[in-house]
Amino acid sequence: MLDLSFECFDWDAANIANCRRHGVALAEIEHALTHDAVVLVPDIKHSRDEERFIAVGKNANGRFLYVALTFRRIHGKRAVRPISARYMHRKEAERYEQARTKIRD
């Protein structure tokens, strides 16, 4: 199982712009990554210069978010750097819920 633990967020102007372009607020991303059950998988396709991951979580309203991220060390702390985020499409969210149900059963 991959480790999603971190001590802080690492935002920069480019990543903030990427997230906002998809209409996702920073607070939604922070909530999705710190609440409920977050699923984290390697993003092999985009892991060229750094190891990247895809996280799926929910915002405070229960809407699913798809978040591309990486981890960094900042002043000795493990930080998560969201690269981009978007709302999941209805069918993606349904497939995710079906897969989670199968795992729980």
PDB file of N, CA and C in Angstrom:
ATOM      1  N   MET A   1       0.837  -1.180   0.000  1.00  0.00           N
ATOM      2  CA  MET A   1       0.000   0.000   0.000  1.00  0.00           C
ATOM      3  C   MET A   1       0.885   1.248   0.000  1.00  0.00           C
ATOM      4  N   LEU A   2       0.511   2.231  -0.799  1.00  0.00           N
ATOM      5  CA  LEU A   2       1.283   3.461  -0.898  1.00  0.00           C
ATOM      6  C   LEU A   2       0.995   4.379   0.282  1.00  0.00           C
ATOM      7  N   ASP A   3       2.004   5.136   0.660  1.00  0.00           N
ATOM      8  CA  ASP A   3       1.915   6.012   1.827  1.00  0.00           C
ATOM      9  C   ASP A   3       1.501   7.422   1.408  1.00  0.00           C
ATOM     10  N   LEU A   4       0.322   7.845   1.833  1.00  0.00           N
ATOM     11  CA  LEU A   4      -0.166   9.194   1.538  1.00  0.00           C
ATOM     12  C   LEU A   4       0.094  10.161   2.689  1.00  0.00           C
ATOM     13  N   SER A   5       0.809   9.739   3.699  1.00  0.00           N
ATOM     14  CA  SER A   5       1.022  10.637   4.839  1.00  0.00           C
ATOM     15  C   SER A   5       1.924  11.811   4.438  1.00  0.00           C
ATOM     16  N   PHE A   6       1.586  12.980   4.942  1.00  0.00           N
ATOM     17  CA  PHE A   6       2.375  14.177   4.686  1.00  0.00           C
ATOM     18  C   PHE A   6       2.098  15.180   5.792  1.00  0.00           C
ATOM     19  N   GLU A   7       2.983  16.168   5.897  1.00  0.00           N
ATOM     20  CA  GLU A   7       2.871  17.150   6.977  1.00  0.00           C
ATOM     21  C   GLU A   7       2.391  18.519   6.510  1.00  0.00           C
ATOM     22  N   CYS A   8       2.506  18.790   5.218  1.00  0.00           N
ATOM     23  CA  CYS A   8       2.082  20.096   4.719  1.00  0.00           C
ATOM     24  C   CYS A   8       1.841  20.028   3.214  1.00  0.00           C
ATOM     25  N   PHE A   9       1.260  21.092   2.690  1.00  0.00           N
ATOM     26  CA  PHE A   9       1.043  21.221   1.254  1.00  0.00           C
ATOM     27  C   PHE A   9       2.117  22.121   0.670  1.00  0.00           C
ATOM     28  N   ASP A  10       2.489  21.867  -0.569  1.00  0.00           N
ATOM     29  CA  ASP A  10       3.469  22.673  -1.290  1.00  0.00           C
ATOM     30  C   ASP A  10       2.796  23.194  -2.560  1.00  0.00           C
ATOM     31  N   TRP A  11       2.330  24.425  -2.505  1.00  0.00           N
ATOM     32  CA  TRP A  11       1.658  25.041  -3.651  1.00  0.00           C
ATOM     33  C   TRP A  11       2.623  25.984  -4.357  1.00  0.00           C
ATOM     34  N   ASP A  12       2.560  26.026  -5.684  1.00  0.00           N
ATOM     35  CA  ASP A  12       3.260  27.066  -6.429  1.00  0.00           C
ATOM     36  C   ASP A  12       2.286  27.656  -7.444  1.00  0.00           C
ATOM     37  N   ALA A  13       2.650  28.778  -8.028  1.00  0.00           N
ATOM     38  CA  ALA A  13       1.731  29.515  -8.901  1.00  0.00           C
ATOM     39  C   ALA A  13       1.236  28.671 -10.075  1.00  0.00           C
ATOM     40  N   ALA A  14       2.121  27.901 -10.688  1.00  0.00           N
ATOM     41  CA  ALA A  14       1.725  27.094 -11.850  1.00  0.00           C
ATOM     42  C   ALA A  14       0.719  26.014 -11.463  1.00  0.00           C
ATOM     43  N   ASN A  15       0.951  25.356 -10.349  1.00  0.00           N
ATOM     44  CA  ASN A  15       0.043  24.288  -9.925  1.00  0.00           C
ATOM     45  C   ASN A  15      -1.302  24.848  -9.472  1.00  0.00           C
ATOM     46  N   ILE A  16      -1.284  25.998  -8.840  1.00  0.00           N
ATOM     47  CA  ILE A  16      -2.540  26.648  -8.459  1.00  0.00           C
ATOM     48  C   ILE A  16      -3.346  26.967  -9.715  1.00  0.00           C
ATOM     49  N   ALA A  17      -2.670  27.497 -10.730  1.00  0.00           N
ATOM     50  CA  ALA A  17      -3.353  27.823 -11.990  1.00  0.00           C
ATOM     51  C   ALA A  17      -3.918  26.571 -12.654  1.00  0.00           C
ATOM     52  N   ASN A  18      -3.161  25.463 -12.641  1.00  0.00           N
ATOM     53  CA  ASN A  18      -3.646  24.203 -13.233  1.00  0.00           C
ATOM     54  C   ASN A  18      -4.933  23.748 -12.566  1.00  0.00           C
ATOM     55  N   CYS A  19      -4.974  23.814 -11.265  1.00  0.00           N
ATOM     56  CA  CYS A  19      -6.158  23.359 -10.527  1.00  0.00           C
ATOM     57  C   CYS A  19      -7.343  24.282 -10.772  1.00  0.00           C
ATOM     58  N   ARG A  20      -7.094  25.559 -10.742  1.00  0.00           N
ATOM     59  CA  ARG A  20      -8.184  26.529 -10.946  1.00  0.00           C
ATOM     60  C   ARG A  20      -8.741  26.457 -12.365  1.00  0.00           C
ATOM     61  N   ARG A  21      -7.900  26.117 -13.327  1.00  0.00           N
ATOM     62  CA  ARG A  21      -8.346  25.992 -14.717  1.00  0.00           C
ATOM     63  C   ARG A  21      -9.482  24.979 -14.839  1.00  0.00           C
ATOM     64  N   HIS A  22      -9.470  23.984 -13.975  1.00  0.00           N
ATOM     65  CA  HIS A  22     -10.513  22.954 -13.976  1.00  0.00           C
ATOM     66  C   HIS A  22     -11.641  23.292 -13.005  1.00  0.00           C
ATOM     67  N   GLY A  23     -11.591  24.481 -12.419  1.00  0.00           N
ATOM     68  CA  GLY A  23     -12.661  24.923 -11.531  1.00  0.00           C
ATOM     69  C   GLY A  23     -12.618  24.334 -10.135  1.00  0.00           C
ATOM     70  N   VAL A  24     -11.468  23.790  -9.750  1.00  0.00           N
ATOM     71  CA  VAL A  24     -11.337  23.157  -8.437  1.00  0.00           C
ATOM     72  C   VAL A  24     -10.609  24.112  -7.488  1.00  0.00           C
ATOM     73  N   ALA A  25     -11.214  24.387  -6.357  1.00  0.00           N
ATOM     74  CA  ALA A  25     -10.609  25.273  -5.357  1.00  0.00           C
ATOM     75  C   ALA A  25      -9.544  24.524  -4.557  1.00  0.00           C
ATOM     76  N   LEU A  26      -8.540  25.260  -4.107  1.00  0.00           N
ATOM     77  CA  LEU A  26      -7.460  24.643  -3.327  1.00  0.00           C
ATOM     78  C   LEU A  26      -7.998  23.976  -2.069  1.00  0.00           C
ATOM     79  N   ALA A  27      -8.964  24.602  -1.424  1.00  0.00           N
ATOM     80  CA  ALA A  27      -9.546  24.026  -0.204  1.00  0.00           C
ATOM     81  C   ALA A  27     -10.202  22.678  -0.488  1.00  0.00           C
ATOM     82  N   GLU A  28     -10.779  22.516  -1.676  1.00  0.00           N
ATOM     83  CA  GLU A  28     -11.392  21.230  -2.037  1.00  0.00           C
ATOM     84  C   GLU A  28     -10.332  20.141  -2.147  1.00  0.00           C
ATOM     85  N   ILE A  29      -9.215  20.488  -2.745  1.00  0.00           N
ATOM     86  CA  ILE A  29      -8.123  19.522  -2.913  1.00  0.00           C
ATOM     87  C   ILE A  29      -7.560  19.144  -1.549  1.00  0.00           C
ATOM     88  N   GLU A  30      -7.323  20.138  -0.720  1.00  0.00           N
ATOM     89  CA  GLU A  30      -6.785  19.867   0.612  1.00  0.00           C
ATOM     90  C   GLU A  30      -7.743  18.991   1.412  1.00  0.00           C
ATOM     91  N   HIS A  31      -9.029  19.248   1.310  1.00  0.00           N
ATOM     92  CA  HIS A  31     -10.019  18.423   2.010  1.00  0.00           C
ATOM     93  C   HIS A  31      -9.991  16.993   1.472  1.00  0.00           C
ATOM     94  N   ALA A  32      -9.981  16.855   0.153  1.00  0.00           N
ATOM     95  CA  ALA A  32     -10.014  15.521  -0.456  1.00  0.00           C
ATOM     96  C   ALA A  32      -8.808  14.678  -0.051  1.00  0.00           C
ATOM     97  N   LEU A  33      -7.663  15.319   0.140  1.00  0.00           N
ATOM     98  CA  LEU A  33      -6.451  14.574   0.477  1.00  0.00           C
ATOM     99  C   LEU A  33      -6.273  14.337   1.973  1.00  0.00           C
ATOM    100  N   THR A  34      -7.118  14.951   2.788  1.00  0.00           N
ATOM    101  CA  THR A  34      -6.954  14.796   4.236  1.00  0.00           C
ATOM    102  C   THR A  34      -8.162  14.184   4.928  1.00  0.00           C
ATOM    103  N   HIS A  35      -9.216  13.884   4.203  1.00  0.00           N
ATOM    104  CA  HIS A  35     -10.424  13.310   4.786  1.00  0.00           C
ATOM    105  C   HIS A  35     -10.827  12.044   4.042  1.00  0.00           C
ATOM    106  N   ASP A  36     -11.657  11.240   4.696  1.00  0.00           N
ATOM    107  CA  ASP A  36     -12.238  10.048   4.083  1.00  0.00           C
ATOM    108  C   ASP A  36     -11.136   9.100   3.605  1.00  0.00           C
ATOM    109  N   ALA A  37     -11.517   8.160   2.806  1.00  0.00           N
ATOM    110  CA  ALA A  37     -10.579   7.169   2.277  1.00  0.00           C
ATOM    111  C   ALA A  37     -10.071   7.649   0.925  1.00  0.00           C
ATOM    112  N   VAL A  38      -8.804   7.969   0.863  1.00  0.00           N
ATOM    113  CA  VAL A  38      -8.186   8.416  -0.380  1.00  0.00           C
ATOM    114  C   VAL A  38      -7.476   7.224  -1.000  1.00  0.00           C
ATOM    115  N   VAL A  39      -7.652   7.059  -2.300  1.00  0.00           N
ATOM    116  CA  VAL A  39      -6.955   6.003  -3.024  1.00  0.00           C
ATOM    117  C   VAL A  39      -5.775   6.646  -3.739  1.00  0.00           C
ATOM    118  N   LEU A  40      -4.599   6.077  -3.581  1.00  0.00           N
ATOM    119  CA  LEU A  40      -3.378   6.603  -4.181  1.00  0.00           C
ATOM    120  C   LEU A  40      -2.745   5.519  -5.035  1.00  0.00           C
ATOM    121  N   VAL A  41      -2.462   5.848  -6.306  1.00  0.00           N
ATOM    122  CA  VAL A  41      -1.817   4.899  -7.217  1.00  0.00           C
ATOM    123  C   VAL A  41      -0.689   5.613  -7.955  1.00  0.00           C
ATOM    124  N   PRO A  42       0.348   4.871  -8.358  1.00  0.00           N
ATOM    125  CA  PRO A  42       1.431   5.492  -9.122  1.00  0.00           C
ATOM    126  C   PRO A  42       0.923   5.987 -10.476  1.00  0.00           C
ATOM    127  N   ASP A  43       1.455   7.102 -10.920  1.00  0.00           N
ATOM    128  CA  ASP A  43       1.148   7.636 -12.248  1.00  0.00           C
ATOM    129  C   ASP A  43       2.370   7.385 -13.121  1.00  0.00           C
ATOM    130  N   ILE A  44       2.496   6.168 -13.581  1.00  0.00           N
ATOM    131  CA  ILE A  44       3.675   5.743 -14.334  1.00  0.00           C
ATOM    132  C   ILE A  44       3.834   6.548 -15.620  1.00  0.00           C
ATOM    133  N   LYS A  45       2.732   6.862 -16.255  1.00  0.00           N
ATOM    134  CA  LYS A  45       2.755   7.585 -17.532  1.00  0.00           C
ATOM    135  C   LYS A  45       3.430   8.950 -17.412  1.00  0.00           C
ATOM    136  N   HIS A  46       3.264   9.629 -16.282  1.00  0.00           N
ATOM    137  CA  HIS A  46       3.797  10.979 -16.120  1.00  0.00           C
ATOM    138  C   HIS A  46       4.978  11.060 -15.155  1.00  0.00           C
ATOM    139  N   SER A  47       5.552   9.930 -14.771  1.00  0.00           N
ATOM    140  CA  SER A  47       6.669   9.920 -13.819  1.00  0.00           C
ATOM    141  C   SER A  47       7.994   9.884 -14.567  1.00  0.00           C
ATOM    142  N   ARG A  48       8.351  10.989 -15.195  1.00  0.00           N
ATOM    143  CA  ARG A  48       9.621  11.051 -15.920  1.00  0.00           C
ATOM    144  C   ARG A  48      10.713  11.644 -15.031  1.00  0.00           C
ATOM    145  N   ASP A  49      10.533  12.900 -14.657  1.00  0.00           N
ATOM    146  CA  ASP A  49      11.545  13.596 -13.863  1.00  0.00           C
ATOM    147  C   ASP A  49      11.375  13.398 -12.365  1.00  0.00           C
ATOM    148  N   GLU A  50      10.171  13.048 -11.951  1.00  0.00           N
ATOM    149  CA  GLU A  50       9.876  12.826 -10.538  1.00  0.00           C
ATOM    150  C   GLU A  50       8.788  11.766 -10.436  1.00  0.00           C
ATOM    151  N   GLU A  51       8.711  11.125  -9.293  1.00  0.00           N
ATOM    152  CA  GLU A  51       7.679  10.116  -9.070  1.00  0.00           C
ATOM    153  C   GLU A  51       6.345  10.820  -8.840  1.00  0.00           C
ATOM    154  N   ARG A  52       5.362  10.488  -9.683  1.00  0.00           N
ATOM    155  CA  ARG A  52       4.041  11.114  -9.574  1.00  0.00           C
ATOM    156  C   ARG A  52       2.986  10.080  -9.220  1.00  0.00           C
ATOM    157  N   PHE A  53       1.891  10.590  -8.663  1.00  0.00           N
ATOM    158  CA  PHE A  53       0.801   9.733  -8.217  1.00  0.00           C
ATOM    159  C   PHE A  53      -0.536  10.343  -8.616  1.00  0.00           C
ATOM    160  N   ILE A  54      -1.548   9.489  -8.628  1.00  0.00           N
ATOM    161  CA  ILE A  54      -2.929   9.913  -8.808  1.00  0.00           C
ATOM    162  C   ILE A  54      -3.651   9.586  -7.508  1.00  0.00           C
ATOM    163  N   ALA A  55      -4.365  10.560  -6.983  1.00  0.00           N
ATOM    164  CA  ALA A  55      -5.176  10.349  -5.785  1.00  0.00           C
ATOM    165  C   ALA A  55      -6.632  10.601  -6.141  1.00  0.00           C
ATOM    166  N   VAL A  56      -7.505   9.778  -5.584  1.00  0.00           N
ATOM    167  CA  VAL A  56      -8.944   9.976  -5.732  1.00  0.00           C
ATOM    168  C   VAL A  56      -9.504  10.184  -4.335  1.00  0.00           C
ATOM    169  N   GLY A  57     -10.218  11.270  -4.168  1.00  0.00           N
ATOM    170  CA  GLY A  57     -10.839  11.577  -2.887  1.00  0.00           C
ATOM    171  C   GLY A  57     -12.099  12.392  -3.112  1.00  0.00           C
ATOM    172  N   LYS A  58     -12.741  12.777  -2.022  1.00  0.00           N
ATOM    173  CA  LYS A  58     -13.980  13.555  -2.114  1.00  0.00           C
ATOM    174  C   LYS A  58     -13.803  14.919  -1.458  1.00  0.00           C
ATOM    175  N   ASN A  59     -14.464  15.924  -2.043  1.00  0.00           N
ATOM    176  CA  ASN A  59     -14.478  17.232  -1.400  1.00  0.00           C
ATOM    177  C   ASN A  59     -15.509  17.215  -0.271  1.00  0.00           C
ATOM    178  N   ALA A  60     -15.688  18.330   0.406  1.00  0.00           N
ATOM    179  CA  ALA A  60     -16.598  18.381   1.560  1.00  0.00           C
ATOM    180  C   ALA A  60     -18.048  18.093   1.182  1.00  0.00           C
ATOM    181  N   ASN A  61     -18.397  18.293  -0.079  1.00  0.00           N
ATOM    182  CA  ASN A  61     -19.759  18.025  -0.554  1.00  0.00           C
ATOM    183  C   ASN A  61     -19.931  16.610  -1.092  1.00  0.00           C
ATOM    184  N   GLY A  62     -18.878  15.800  -1.022  1.00  0.00           N
ATOM    185  CA  GLY A  62     -18.960  14.423  -1.484  1.00  0.00           C
ATOM    186  C   GLY A  62     -18.682  14.234  -2.960  1.00  0.00           C
ATOM    187  N   ARG A  63     -18.254  15.287  -3.636  1.00  0.00           N
ATOM    188  CA  ARG A  63     -17.942  15.184  -5.064  1.00  0.00           C
ATOM    189  C   ARG A  63     -16.525  14.643  -5.230  1.00  0.00           C
ATOM    190  N   PHE A  64     -16.369  13.677  -6.142  1.00  0.00           N
ATOM    191  CA  PHE A  64     -15.072  13.043  -6.347  1.00  0.00           C
ATOM    192  C   PHE A  64     -14.097  13.950  -7.083  1.00  0.00           C
ATOM    193  N   LEU A  65     -12.842  13.923  -6.612  1.00  0.00           N
ATOM    194  CA  LEU A  65     -11.761  14.648  -7.263  1.00  0.00           C
ATOM    195  C   LEU A  65     -10.678  13.678  -7.692  1.00  0.00           C
ATOM    196  N   TYR A  66     -10.095  13.953  -8.835  1.00  0.00           N
ATOM    197  CA  TYR A  66      -8.956  13.228  -9.389  1.00  0.00           C
ATOM    198  C   TYR A  66      -7.786  14.201  -9.272  1.00  0.00           C
ATOM    199  N   VAL A  67      -6.775  13.850  -8.483  1.00  0.00           N
ATOM    200  CA  VAL A  67      -5.675  14.776  -8.206  1.00  0.00           C
ATOM    201  C   VAL A  67      -4.343  14.141  -8.609  1.00  0.00           C
ATOM    202  N   ALA A  68      -3.611  14.822  -9.493  1.00  0.00           N
ATOM    203  CA  ALA A  68      -2.247  14.418  -9.833  1.00  0.00           C
ATOM    204  C   ALA A  68      -1.330  15.115  -8.834  1.00  0.00           C
ATOM    205  N   LEU A  69      -0.379  14.367  -8.263  1.00  0.00           N
ATOM    206  CA  LEU A  69       0.465  14.963  -7.224  1.00  0.00           C
ATOM    207  C   LEU A  69       1.827  14.306  -7.165  1.00  0.00           C
ATOM    208  N   THR A  70       2.707  14.940  -6.428  1.00  0.00           N
ATOM    209  CA  THR A  70       4.010  14.378  -6.108  1.00  0.00           C
ATOM    210  C   THR A  70       4.330  14.747  -4.661  1.00  0.00           C
ATOM    211  N   PHE A  71       5.377  14.174  -4.138  1.00  0.00           N
ATOM    212  CA  PHE A  71       5.807  14.479  -2.770  1.00  0.00           C
ATOM    213  C   PHE A  71       7.167  15.151  -2.814  1.00  0.00           C
ATOM    214  N   ARG A  72       7.400  16.058  -1.898  1.00  0.00           N
ATOM    215  CA  ARG A  72       8.665  16.780  -1.776  1.00  0.00           C
ATOM    216  C   ARG A  72       9.078  16.824  -0.312  1.00  0.00           C
ATOM    217  N   ARG A  73      10.331  17.152  -0.082  1.00  0.00           N
ATOM    218  CA  ARG A  73      10.822  17.432   1.276  1.00  0.00           C
ATOM    219  C   ARG A  73      11.039  18.930   1.363  1.00  0.00           C
ATOM    220  N   ILE A  74      10.386  19.558   2.328  1.00  0.00           N
ATOM    221  CA  ILE A  74      10.534  20.996   2.528  1.00  0.00           C
ATOM    222  C   ILE A  74      10.869  21.225   3.995  1.00  0.00           C
ATOM    223  N   HIS A  75      12.055  21.743   4.233  1.00  0.00           N
ATOM    224  CA  HIS A  75      12.521  21.994   5.609  1.00  0.00           C
ATOM    225  C   HIS A  75      12.381  20.737   6.464  1.00  0.00           C
ATOM    226  N   GLY A  76      12.716  19.591   5.877  1.00  0.00           N
ATOM    227  CA  GLY A  76      12.671  18.329   6.602  1.00  0.00           C
ATOM    228  C   GLY A  76      11.298  17.700   6.733  1.00  0.00           C
ATOM    229  N   LYS A  77      10.277  18.351   6.200  1.00  0.00           N
ATOM    230  CA  LYS A  77       8.915  17.814   6.285  1.00  0.00           C
ATOM    231  C   LYS A  77       8.499  17.209   4.949  1.00  0.00           C
ATOM    232  N   ARG A  78       7.719  16.154   5.025  1.00  0.00           N
ATOM    233  CA  ARG A  78       7.174  15.549   3.809  1.00  0.00           C
ATOM    234  C   ARG A  78       5.958  16.371   3.377  1.00  0.00           C
ATOM    235  N   ALA A  79       6.058  16.944   2.186  1.00  0.00           N
ATOM    236  CA  ALA A  79       4.990  17.797   1.663  1.00  0.00           C
ATOM    237  C   ALA A  79       4.369  17.150   0.438  1.00  0.00           C
ATOM    238  N   VAL A  80       3.079  17.368   0.267  1.00  0.00           N
ATOM    239  CA  VAL A  80       2.393  16.913  -0.938  1.00  0.00           C
ATOM    240  C   VAL A  80       2.245  18.130  -1.845  1.00  0.00           C
ATOM    241  N   ARG A  81       2.584  17.946  -3.115  1.00  0.00           N
ATOM    242  CA  ARG A  81       2.439  19.015  -4.100  1.00  0.00           C
ATOM    243  C   ARG A  81       1.401  18.598  -5.129  1.00  0.00           C
ATOM    244  N   PRO A  82       0.178  19.103  -5.011  1.00  0.00           N
ATOM    245  CA  PRO A  82      -0.814  18.841  -6.055  1.00  0.00           C
ATOM    246  C   PRO A  82      -0.364  19.520  -7.350  1.00  0.00           C
ATOM    247  N   ILE A  83      -0.377  18.768  -8.434  1.00  0.00           N
ATOM    248  CA  ILE A  83       0.048  19.290  -9.729  1.00  0.00           C
ATOM    249  C   ILE A  83      -1.154  19.779 -10.519  1.00  0.00           C
ATOM    250  N   SER A  84      -2.202  18.995 -10.479  1.00  0.00           N
ATOM    251  CA  SER A  84      -3.439  19.347 -11.168  1.00  0.00           C
ATOM    252  C   SER A  84      -4.577  18.578 -10.515  1.00  0.00           C
ATOM    253  N   ALA A  85      -5.784  19.089 -10.681  1.00  0.00           N
ATOM    254  CA  ALA A  85      -6.952  18.399 -10.133  1.00  0.00           C
ATOM    255  C   ALA A  85      -8.162  18.708 -10.999  1.00  0.00           C
ATOM    256  N   ARG A  86      -9.068  17.759 -11.022  1.00  0.00           N
ATOM    257  CA  ARG A  86     -10.320  17.956 -11.753  1.00  0.00           C
ATOM    258  C   ARG A  86     -11.399  17.146 -11.069  1.00  0.00           C
ATOM    259  N   TYR A  87     -12.645  17.512 -11.353  1.00  0.00           N
ATOM    260  CA  TYR A  87     -13.764  16.714 -10.869  1.00  0.00           C
ATOM    261  C   TYR A  87     -13.843  15.463 -11.726  1.00  0.00           C
ATOM    262  N   MET A  88     -14.136  14.346 -11.091  1.00  0.00           N
ATOM    263  CA  MET A  88     -14.284  13.104 -11.851  1.00  0.00           C
ATOM    264  C   MET A  88     -15.625  13.119 -12.574  1.00  0.00           C
ATOM    265  N   HIS A  89     -15.634  12.532 -13.755  1.00  0.00           N
ATOM    266  CA  HIS A  89     -16.873  12.376 -14.505  1.00  0.00           C
ATOM    267  C   HIS A  89     -17.752  11.359 -13.785  1.00  0.00           C
ATOM    268  N   ARG A  90     -19.037  11.444 -14.000  1.00  0.00           N
ATOM    269  CA  ARG A  90     -20.001  10.568 -13.321  1.00  0.00           C
ATOM    270  C   ARG A  90     -19.638   9.096 -13.498  1.00  0.00           C
ATOM    271  N   LYS A  91     -19.311   8.689 -14.710  1.00  0.00           N
ATOM    272  CA  LYS A  91     -18.991   7.275 -14.964  1.00  0.00           C
ATOM    273  C   LYS A  91     -17.715   6.863 -14.235  1.00  0.00           C
ATOM    274  N   GLU A  92     -16.729   7.750 -14.155  1.00  0.00           N
ATOM    275  CA  GLU A  92     -15.503   7.449 -13.413  1.00  0.00           C
ATOM    276  C   GLU A  92     -15.818   7.231 -11.938  1.00  0.00           C
ATOM    277  N   ALA A  93     -16.639   8.109 -11.380  1.00  0.00           N
ATOM    278  CA  ALA A  93     -17.011   7.994  -9.967  1.00  0.00           C
ATOM    279  C   ALA A  93     -17.783   6.703  -9.716  1.00  0.00           C
ATOM    280  N   GLU A  94     -18.660   6.335 -10.640  1.00  0.00           N
ATOM    281  CA  GLU A  94     -19.425   5.088 -10.493  1.00  0.00           C
ATOM    282  C   GLU A  94     -18.494   3.877 -10.517  1.00  0.00           C
ATOM    283  N   ARG A  95     -17.539   3.859 -11.447  1.00  0.00           N
ATOM    284  CA  ARG A  95     -16.583   2.737 -11.520  1.00  0.00           C
ATOM    285  C   ARG A  95     -15.750   2.657 -10.245  1.00  0.00           C
ATOM    286  N   TYR A  96     -15.340   3.818  -9.740  1.00  0.00           N
ATOM    287  CA  TYR A  96     -14.558   3.864  -8.510  1.00  0.00           C
ATOM    288  C   TYR A  96     -15.357   3.277  -7.348  1.00  0.00           C
ATOM    289  N   GLU A  97     -16.613   3.692  -7.207  1.00  0.00           N
ATOM    290  CA  GLU A  97     -17.466   3.189  -6.124  1.00  0.00           C
ATOM    291  C   GLU A  97     -17.700   1.687  -6.257  1.00  0.00           C
ATOM    292  N   GLN A  98     -17.903   1.203  -7.481  1.00  0.00           N
ATOM    293  CA  GLN A  98     -18.103  -0.234  -7.702  1.00  0.00           C
ATOM    294  C   GLN A  98     -16.855  -1.011  -7.293  1.00  0.00           C
ATOM    295  N   ALA A  99     -15.693  -0.508  -7.658  1.00  0.00           N
ATOM    296  CA  ALA A  99     -14.446  -1.185  -7.307  1.00  0.00           C
ATOM    297  C   ALA A  99     -14.248  -1.206  -5.792  1.00  0.00           C
ATOM    298  N   ARG A 100     -14.544  -0.102  -5.121  1.00  0.00           N
ATOM    299  CA  ARG A 100     -14.412  -0.058  -3.654  1.00  0.00           C
ATOM    300  C   ARG A 100     -15.377  -1.017  -2.984  1.00  0.00           C
ATOM    301  N   THR A 101     -16.584  -1.126  -3.520  1.00  0.00           N
ATOM    302  CA  THR A 101     -17.578  -2.045  -2.959  1.00  0.00           C
ATOM    303  C   THR A 101     -17.094  -3.484  -3.082  1.00  0.00           C
ATOM    304  N   LYS A 102     -16.519  -3.837  -4.230  1.00  0.00           N
ATOM    305  CA  LYS A 102     -16.007  -5.198  -4.439  1.00  0.00           C
ATOM    306  C   LYS A 102     -14.878  -5.506  -3.463  1.00  0.00           C
ATOM    307  N   ILE A 103     -14.022  -4.530  -3.232  1.00  0.00           N
ATOM    308  CA  ILE A 103     -12.894  -4.734  -2.316  1.00  0.00           C
ATOM    309  C   ILE A 103     -13.394  -4.945  -0.892  1.00  0.00           C
ATOM    310  N   ARG A 104     -14.408  -4.178  -0.485  1.00  0.00           N
ATOM    311  CA  ARG A 104     -14.947  -4.299   0.875  1.00  0.00           C
ATOM    312  C   ARG A 104     -15.680  -5.615   1.090  1.00  0.00           C
ATOM    313  N   ASP A 105     -16.312  -6.145   0.044  1.00  0.00           N
ATOM    314  CA  ASP A 105     -17.105  -7.387   0.176  1.00  0.00           C
ATOM    315  C   ASP A 105     -16.263  -8.617   0.189  1.00  0.00           C
TER     316      ASP A 105
END
